[in-house]
Protein backbone atom coordinates (compact mmCIF):
# COMPACT_ATOMS: atom_id res chain seq x y z
CA MET A 1 -0.04 0.18 -0.20
CA SER A 2 1.25 3.45 -1.23
CA ALA A 3 2.44 6.01 1.77
CA ASP A 4 1.54 9.68 1.44
CA ALA A 5 3.79 11.76 -0.47
CA ALA A 6 4.36 14.14 2.80
CA PRO A 7 6.81 12.82 5.39
CA LEU A 8 5.22 11.35 8.62
CA PRO A 9 6.17 12.51 11.93
CA LEU A 10 8.36 9.40 13.03
CA ASP A 11 9.94 8.96 9.59
CA GLY A 12 13.61 7.81 10.01
CA VAL A 13 13.03 6.34 13.73
CA ARG A 14 13.91 2.91 13.89
CA VAL A 15 12.10 0.75 16.49
CA ILE A 16 12.67 -2.77 17.78
CA GLU A 17 9.59 -4.42 19.15
CA PHE A 18 9.90 -7.88 21.72
CA SER A 19 6.30 -7.93 22.35
CA HIS A 20 2.83 -9.60 22.15
CA MET A 21 -1.02 -9.56 23.27
CA VAL A 22 -1.91 -5.94 23.54
CA MET A 23 -0.10 -3.37 25.82
CA GLY A 24 3.25 -3.64 23.81
CA PRO A 25 1.91 -4.22 20.62
CA THR A 26 -0.20 -1.21 21.06
CA CYS A 27 2.49 1.11 21.75
CA GLY A 28 4.73 -0.42 18.55
CA LEU A 29 1.70 0.38 16.49
CA ILE A 30 1.14 4.09 17.19
CA LEU A 31 4.86 4.64 16.45
CA ALA A 32 4.45 2.73 13.15
CA ASP A 33 1.37 4.83 12.27
CA LEU A 34 2.85 7.76 12.99
CA GLY A 35 6.02 6.83 10.34
CA ALA A 36 8.38 5.12 12.31
CA GLU A 37 9.86 1.56 10.91
CA VAL A 38 8.83 -0.75 13.61
CA ILE A 39 10.34 -4.29 13.19
CA LYS A 40 8.71 -6.87 15.19
CA VAL A 41 10.92 -9.78 16.65
CA GLU A 42 9.34 -13.03 16.80
CA PRO A 43 10.08 -16.54 17.28
CA ARG A 44 11.23 -18.87 14.78
CA GLY A 45 8.58 -21.10 13.12
CA LYS A 46 4.82 -19.81 13.67
CA GLY A 47 6.18 -16.28 14.96
CA ASP A 48 4.18 -14.34 17.89
CA ARG A 49 2.11 -16.78 19.33
CA THR A 50 -0.45 -13.70 19.25
CA ARG A 51 -1.19 -14.79 15.79
CA TYR A 52 -3.05 -17.60 16.86
CA LEU A 53 -5.17 -16.74 19.51
CA THR A 54 -8.94 -17.46 19.64
CA SER A 55 -12.13 -16.33 21.31
CA SER A 56 -11.55 -13.16 22.66
CA GLY A 57 -7.96 -12.40 21.72
CA THR A 58 -8.95 -13.60 18.13
CA GLY A 59 -8.52 -10.00 16.69
CA PHE A 60 -5.39 -9.19 18.60
CA PHE A 61 -2.59 -9.59 16.18
CA ALA A 62 -4.68 -7.94 13.26
CA ALA A 63 -5.40 -4.83 15.16
CA PHE A 64 -2.19 -4.10 16.31
CA SER A 65 0.74 -5.40 13.49
CA ARG A 66 -0.11 -2.96 10.59
CA ASN A 67 2.71 -1.03 9.35
CA LYS A 68 4.89 -3.34 11.14
CA LYS A 69 8.03 -5.47 9.47
CA SER A 70 8.53 -9.03 10.83
CA VAL A 71 11.89 -10.60 11.68
CA GLN A 72 12.47 -14.14 13.61
CA LEU A 73 15.57 -14.48 15.62
CA ASP A 74 16.18 -16.82 18.53
CA THR A 75 17.88 -15.32 21.76
CA ASP A 76 18.65 -18.50 22.86
CA ASP A 77 20.95 -19.06 19.95
CA ALA A 78 24.46 -17.35 20.08
CA ALA A 79 24.80 -16.26 16.25
CA ASP A 80 21.19 -15.08 16.38
CA LEU A 81 21.68 -13.07 19.63
CA ALA A 82 24.83 -11.31 18.41
CA THR A 83 22.39 -10.41 15.52
CA LEU A 84 20.06 -8.88 17.37
CA LYS A 85 22.70 -7.12 19.10
CA ALA A 86 24.02 -5.57 15.86
CA LEU A 87 20.11 -4.87 14.88
CA ILE A 88 19.60 -3.16 17.98
CA ASP A 89 22.81 -0.96 17.72
CA THR A 90 21.16 0.36 14.56
CA ALA A 91 18.01 1.17 16.60
CA ASP A 92 16.55 4.54 18.20
CA VAL A 93 14.10 2.77 20.42
CA VAL A 94 13.64 -0.64 21.84
CA ILE A 95 10.00 -1.83 23.11
CA GLU A 96 10.01 -4.73 25.47
CA ASN A 97 7.12 -6.44 27.81
CA PHE A 98 9.29 -9.09 29.26
CA ARG A 99 9.17 -9.98 32.58
CA PRO A 100 11.28 -7.99 35.08
CA GLY A 101 15.22 -9.46 34.61
CA GLY A 102 14.34 -11.46 31.71
CA LEU A 103 16.04 -9.50 28.93
CA GLU A 104 18.89 -8.42 31.23
CA ALA A 105 20.25 -12.35 31.71
CA LYS A 106 20.61 -12.33 27.68
CA GLY A 107 22.47 -8.87 27.77
CA LEU A 108 19.45 -7.38 26.03
CA GLY A 109 18.67 -4.88 29.08
CA TYR A 110 18.91 -1.43 28.82
CA ALA A 111 22.34 -1.01 30.93
CA ALA A 112 24.05 -3.39 28.84
CA LEU A 113 22.62 -2.06 24.88
CA SER A 114 23.12 1.71 25.79
CA ARG A 115 26.80 0.81 26.41
CA THR A 116 27.20 0.33 22.34
CA ASN A 117 24.05 2.26 21.62
CA PRO A 118 24.05 5.62 23.72
CA GLY A 119 21.18 7.26 22.15
CA LEU A 120 18.71 4.26 22.86
CA ILE A 121 15.57 4.88 24.03
CA TYR A 122 14.20 1.75 25.80
CA CYS A 123 10.76 1.38 26.79
CA SER A 124 9.75 -1.28 29.30
CA LEU A 125 5.78 -1.97 29.60
CA LYS A 126 4.90 -3.70 32.47
CA GLY A 127 2.23 -4.45 35.21
CA PHE A 128 3.50 -2.23 37.74
CA LEU A 129 6.22 0.86 38.18
CA SER A 130 9.23 0.45 40.57
CA GLY A 131 7.91 -0.37 43.81
CA PRO A 132 6.64 -2.74 46.14
CA TYR A 133 4.63 -4.89 43.45
CA GLU A 134 6.85 -4.14 40.73
CA LYS A 135 7.72 -8.13 40.32
CA ARG A 136 4.26 -9.16 40.27
CA THR A 137 2.54 -10.53 36.99
CA ALA A 138 -0.32 -8.31 35.86
CA LEU A 139 -3.54 -8.78 33.40
CA ASP A 140 -5.96 -6.15 32.82
CA GLU A 141 -8.23 -7.48 35.21
CA VAL A 142 -5.94 -7.72 37.99
CA VAL A 143 -5.63 -3.89 37.82
CA GLN A 144 -9.11 -3.14 37.05
CA MET A 145 -9.97 -5.30 40.36
CA MET A 146 -6.91 -3.43 42.53
CA SER A 147 -7.93 0.12 41.08
CA GLY A 148 -11.65 -0.09 41.76
CA LEU A 149 -12.20 0.42 37.98
CA ALA A 150 -14.17 -2.99 37.83
CA ALA A 151 -16.20 -1.86 41.38
CA MET A 152 -16.92 1.53 39.32
CA THR A 153 -18.06 -0.65 35.88
CA GLY A 154 -19.98 -3.15 37.41
CA PRO A 155 -23.27 -3.24 39.49
CA PRO A 156 -23.03 -2.51 43.09
CA GLY A 157 -21.01 -5.94 44.64
CA ARG A 158 -20.62 -7.00 41.26
CA PRO A 159 -17.33 -5.73 39.96
CA LEU A 160 -16.96 -6.20 36.25
CA ARG A 161 -14.00 -5.57 33.87
CA ALA A 162 -14.65 -2.85 31.22
CA GLY A 163 -15.44 -4.19 27.66
CA ALA A 164 -12.27 -3.48 25.96
CA PRO A 165 -8.70 -4.15 27.33
CA VAL A 166 -8.58 -0.55 28.30
CA ASN A 167 -5.33 -0.66 30.43
CA ASP A 168 -3.53 -2.63 28.10
CA MET A 169 -4.25 -0.41 24.92
CA MET A 170 -3.61 2.95 26.95
CA GLY A 171 -0.64 1.55 28.70
CA GLY A 172 0.69 1.02 25.32
CA MET A 173 -0.58 4.67 24.49
CA PHE A 174 1.55 6.06 27.47
CA GLY A 175 4.55 4.15 26.57
CA ALA A 176 4.65 5.60 23.25
CA ILE A 177 4.18 9.09 24.91
CA ALA A 178 7.32 8.51 26.84
CA ILE A 179 8.99 7.55 23.54
CA LEU A 180 8.28 10.75 21.81
CA ALA A 181 9.27 12.71 24.99
CA ALA A 182 12.54 10.67 25.30
CA LEU A 183 13.31 11.41 22.07
CA ARG A 184 12.56 14.80 22.04
CA GLN A 185 14.76 14.83 25.01
CA ARG A 186 17.40 13.07 23.16
CA ASP A 187 17.38 16.02 20.53
CA LEU A 188 18.57 18.46 23.40
CA THR A 189 20.88 16.20 25.39
CA GLY A 190 22.09 13.47 22.85
CA LYS A 191 21.41 10.64 25.34
CA GLY A 192 18.82 8.16 25.34
CA GLN A 193 17.07 6.89 28.78
CA HIS A 194 14.91 4.03 30.15
CA VAL A 195 11.13 4.55 30.35
CA GLN A 196 8.62 2.56 31.91
CA SER A 197 4.92 2.43 31.05
CA SER A 198 2.48 0.10 33.35
CA LEU A 199 -1.10 -1.32 33.66
CA PHE A 200 -1.64 -0.46 37.37
CA GLU A 201 -0.66 3.01 37.28
CA ASN A 202 -2.79 3.28 34.26
CA ALA A 203 -5.76 2.09 35.97
CA ALA A 204 -5.08 4.38 39.13
CA PHE A 205 -5.11 7.39 36.47
CA LEU A 206 -8.34 6.10 34.87
CA VAL A 207 -10.17 6.60 38.47
CA SER A 208 -8.66 9.78 39.61
CA THR A 209 -11.92 11.43 39.10
CA HIS A 210 -13.75 9.05 41.55
CA MET A 211 -10.56 9.41 44.08
CA LEU A 212 -10.96 12.88 44.10
CA GLN A 213 -14.97 12.68 44.30
CA GLN A 214 -14.67 10.72 47.76
CA ALA A 215 -11.85 13.39 48.75
CA ILE A 216 -13.82 16.29 48.01
CA THR A 217 -17.41 14.58 49.45
CA GLY A 218 -15.76 12.17 51.84
CA VAL A 219 -18.43 9.55 50.66
CA ALA A 220 -17.05 6.72 48.62
CA PRO A 221 -18.69 7.30 44.89
CA PRO A 222 -21.23 4.93 43.87
CA SER A 223 -20.52 2.56 40.74
CA MET A 224 -21.66 3.60 37.19
CA ALA A 225 -24.38 1.18 37.26
CA ALA A 226 -26.02 2.37 40.16
CA GLY A 227 -27.56 4.74 38.29
CA LYS A 228 -26.42 7.82 40.41
CA ARG A 229 -25.53 10.92 37.50
CA ALA A 230 -24.32 14.31 37.82
CA TRP A 231 -26.83 15.31 35.35
CA GLY A 232 -30.35 14.95 35.45
CA VAL A 233 -31.11 13.23 32.18
CA TYR A 234 -28.10 11.21 31.11
CA ASP A 235 -29.64 7.58 30.13
CA ILE A 236 -30.60 5.31 27.49
CA PHE A 237 -34.23 5.24 26.52
CA THR A 238 -36.21 2.92 24.41
CA THR A 239 -37.84 4.46 21.31
CA ALA A 240 -41.37 3.82 19.74
CA ASP A 241 -39.81 1.26 17.42
CA GLY A 242 -37.91 -0.37 20.37
CA VAL A 243 -34.46 0.97 19.72
CA GLN A 244 -32.25 1.95 22.58
CA LEU A 245 -30.90 5.52 22.47
CA PHE A 246 -28.81 7.06 24.90
CA ILE A 247 -29.74 10.99 25.19
CA GLY A 248 -27.49 13.32 27.34
CA VAL A 249 -28.79 16.65 28.49
CA VAL A 250 -25.68 18.15 30.87
CA THR A 251 -26.73 21.94 30.84
CA ASP A 252 -29.34 24.14 31.52
CA ARG A 253 -29.36 25.56 27.97
CA GLN A 254 -29.44 21.84 26.57
CA TRP A 255 -32.45 21.14 28.97
CA GLU A 256 -34.07 24.56 27.70
CA ILE A 257 -33.66 22.83 23.58
CA PHE A 258 -34.71 19.64 25.10
CA THR A 259 -37.98 20.61 26.46
CA ARG A 260 -38.88 22.83 23.57
CA GLU A 261 -38.32 19.98 21.14
CA LEU A 262 -40.34 17.73 23.26
CA ALA A 263 -43.24 20.17 23.62
CA GLU A 264 -44.23 18.69 27.06
CA PRO A 265 -45.56 21.17 29.56
CA ALA A 266 -44.97 18.50 32.35
CA LEU A 267 -41.31 19.38 31.96
CA LEU A 268 -41.58 23.11 32.44
CA ASP A 269 -42.21 22.28 36.25
CA PRO A 270 -40.15 24.12 38.71
CA ARG A 271 -38.90 21.18 39.96
CA TRP A 272 -36.67 20.79 37.16
CA ALA A 273 -35.31 24.39 36.86
CA THR A 274 -31.75 23.34 37.41
CA ASN A 275 -29.40 20.49 36.63
CA THR A 276 -29.02 19.99 40.56
CA LEU A 277 -32.63 19.58 40.74
CA ARG A 278 -33.20 17.54 38.41
CA ALA A 279 -30.42 15.08 39.08
CA GLU A 280 -32.03 15.03 42.62
CA GLY A 281 -35.20 14.21 41.13
CA ARG A 282 -34.38 11.37 38.37
CA GLU A 283 -36.39 9.05 40.07
CA THR A 284 -39.49 10.82 39.14
CA LEU A 285 -37.87 12.53 35.84
CA ILE A 286 -36.33 9.67 33.90
CA PRO A 287 -39.42 7.63 33.60
CA LEU A 288 -41.59 10.97 32.39
CA VAL A 289 -38.80 11.47 29.69
CA GLN A 290 -38.86 7.78 28.84
CA THR A 291 -42.90 8.23 28.30
CA LEU A 292 -41.98 11.01 25.90
CA VAL A 293 -39.45 9.44 24.17
CA GLY A 294 -41.33 6.39 23.96
CA GLN A 295 -43.76 8.22 21.99
CA ARG A 296 -41.21 8.50 19.17
CA ASP A 297 -39.32 6.65 16.71
CA LEU A 298 -35.63 6.36 16.14
CA ALA A 299 -35.42 8.71 13.16
CA THR A 300 -37.51 11.29 14.51
CA LEU A 301 -35.46 11.33 17.63
CA GLU A 302 -32.37 11.23 16.22
CA ALA A 303 -33.15 14.08 13.76
CA MET A 304 -34.47 16.18 16.70
CA CYS A 305 -31.22 15.93 18.87
CA GLU A 306 -29.02 16.37 15.75
CA ARG A 307 -31.26 19.49 14.91
CA ALA A 308 -30.99 20.74 18.58
CA GLY A 309 -27.15 20.03 19.29
CA LEU A 310 -27.79 17.42 22.06
CA PRO A 311 -25.62 14.46 22.70
CA PHE A 312 -27.16 11.02 21.72
CA ALA A 313 -26.25 7.39 20.24
CA ARG A 314 -28.09 4.64 19.43
CA ILE A 315 -26.84 1.42 21.35
CA VAL A 316 -24.80 -0.38 18.54
CA GLN A 317 -22.39 -3.58 18.65
CA PRO A 318 -18.86 -3.04 17.84
CA GLY A 319 -19.26 -4.84 14.54
CA ASP A 320 -21.72 -2.26 13.35
CA LEU A 321 -18.47 0.01 13.01
CA TYR A 322 -17.90 -1.18 9.61
CA ASP A 323 -21.14 0.29 8.46
CA ASP A 324 -20.65 3.41 10.03
CA ARG A 325 -21.09 6.46 8.03
CA HIS A 326 -18.70 8.91 9.61
CA LEU A 327 -15.68 6.44 9.98
CA GLN A 328 -16.16 5.15 6.19
CA GLU A 329 -16.53 8.58 4.89
CA SER A 330 -14.07 10.26 7.07
CA GLY A 331 -10.90 7.73 6.70
CA GLY A 332 -11.51 6.27 10.16
CA LEU A 333 -11.24 2.87 8.66
CA LEU A 334 -8.15 1.57 6.93
CA PRO A 335 -7.90 -1.46 4.61
CA LEU A 336 -6.51 -4.54 5.99
CA THR A 337 -5.56 -8.07 4.60
CA LEU A 338 -6.06 -10.98 6.70
CA SER A 339 -3.25 -13.92 7.34
CA ASP A 340 -5.98 -16.08 5.23
CA GLY A 341 -6.39 -13.28 2.52
CA ARG A 342 -9.50 -11.96 3.23
CA SER A 343 -9.90 -7.89 3.37
CA THR A 344 -11.44 -6.28 5.89
CA SER A 345 -10.92 -2.98 7.78
CA VAL A 346 -9.44 -1.85 11.27
CA PRO A 347 -10.21 1.67 12.77
CA ALA A 348 -7.40 4.15 12.27
CA LEU A 349 -5.62 6.29 15.12
CA PRO A 350 -8.25 8.56 16.66
CA ILE A 351 -5.87 11.45 15.69
CA GLN A 352 -5.71 13.93 12.74
CA PHE A 353 -2.85 16.44 11.24
CA GLY A 354 -4.47 18.73 9.47
CA ASP A 355 -6.90 17.33 7.18
CA ARG A 356 -4.68 14.09 6.66
CA ARG A 357 -5.29 10.97 8.73
CA LEU A 358 -2.80 8.58 9.15
CA GLY A 359 -2.77 5.33 7.04
CA VAL A 360 -1.42 2.13 6.16
CA ARG A 361 1.65 1.79 4.56
CA HIS A 362 2.27 -2.16 5.16
CA ASP A 363 -0.32 -4.92 5.85
CA LEU A 364 0.10 -7.39 8.20
CA PRO A 365 3.49 -9.29 8.04
CA ALA A 366 3.93 -12.80 7.71
CA PRO A 367 6.52 -14.28 10.17
CA GLY A 368 9.50 -13.63 9.32
CA GLN A 369 8.45 -11.80 6.00
CA HIS A 370 11.30 -8.99 6.28
CA ASP A 371 14.13 -10.95 7.54
CA ALA A 372 16.47 -10.57 4.30
CA GLU A 373 15.63 -6.86 4.34
CA VAL A 374 16.18 -6.16 7.79
CA LEU A 375 19.00 -8.61 8.75
CA GLY A 376 20.88 -8.78 5.42
CA ALA A 377 23.42 -6.58 5.92
CA LEU A 378 24.06 -7.69 9.72
CA PRO A 379 26.22 -10.76 10.92
CA ARG A 380 23.76 -13.64 11.65
CA GLY A 381 23.30 -17.12 12.79
CA GLY A 382 19.86 -18.42 14.14
CA ALA A 383 16.00 -17.82 15.57
CA ALA A 384 13.81 -15.29 18.29
CA PRO A 385 12.77 -14.28 21.96
CA SER A 386 10.79 -17.13 23.75
CA PRO A 387 7.30 -15.67 24.69
CA ALA A 388 7.77 -18.05 28.05
CA ASP A 389 9.54 -15.25 29.80
CA THR A 390 6.90 -12.13 28.54
CA VAL A 391 4.58 -10.63 30.80
CA ALA A 392 1.19 -11.53 30.57
CA GLU A 393 -1.55 -9.38 29.77
CA GLY A 394 -5.38 -9.19 29.30
């Protein structure tokens, strides 16, 4: 697939990625989409085991591996290890999600690699940053439970993980942010450094508003599923034709518009004059609003909300996004060829440069597809990192 004519932000940056599952590949994907040459190191033979996950892991490799190159090397083979070190000497960045000490034992830790490549940015993607928990193994579920995120997501007393690997993906995103900052700092100092991103600290960051809510009010916040809202109308309603529609009315101005559009005298009652009153009276207000919304079909309500500038969304499944008009027409879906040859699409990074979205330069790589291109000029011998030492992710 052809690249855009204009240079991408990270053109000329070479990244070596040792990772699997979600967190590390997300970090590498962001850098790759931004234009870096991301070289994924895989075990010999079938390659990264993430390629072959099933059930909820089926889409992991396809979602996070575009715009990357693949080489196969074996860190237990002396010749391959020498080749790998020679490759890293040509790199700007290393991304790894091995267990603490795993790469150091093979001479692939930051201290060893920076002796021959002092400008190297070395990003470790971990379960925990430095501290009492740093040697623990983490999963997205683990840190959602530890941080209170699961308690805020599920019904009261029934903690529930979020419906996507939010900490894995955001942990990878924060790793990319740290790498970009370290590259900028290297421009100023000429020196690389070791940066880290983690699942647990990311989960703590996600619940920071709930922590501050408790600090300010002195009361532990209830689960989001308990129905307590800061706004009077911020709910899912059922339309006359049986479709679920979220509508949010979060300011007094929006309430004026909402009541004008629905033209229902009962909504003009002084009990609903302010957002605070509406939030306090939700047990009465929401059934009233449902009665009014339930008299109108989906098309009428969506047209009303769009015309009035009110927040709204019909409830969909992830697969419905393939048919989303905005994503289709805005360049928000990128073409992708699956390993079995079928064509599909995948969401682009949610960023834009001027009127430009980041696209696909390389389709999903086959295991070792770029061995000759990448390793041809380097000393070589043998095969790749054993996934047995990698940090487990959810």
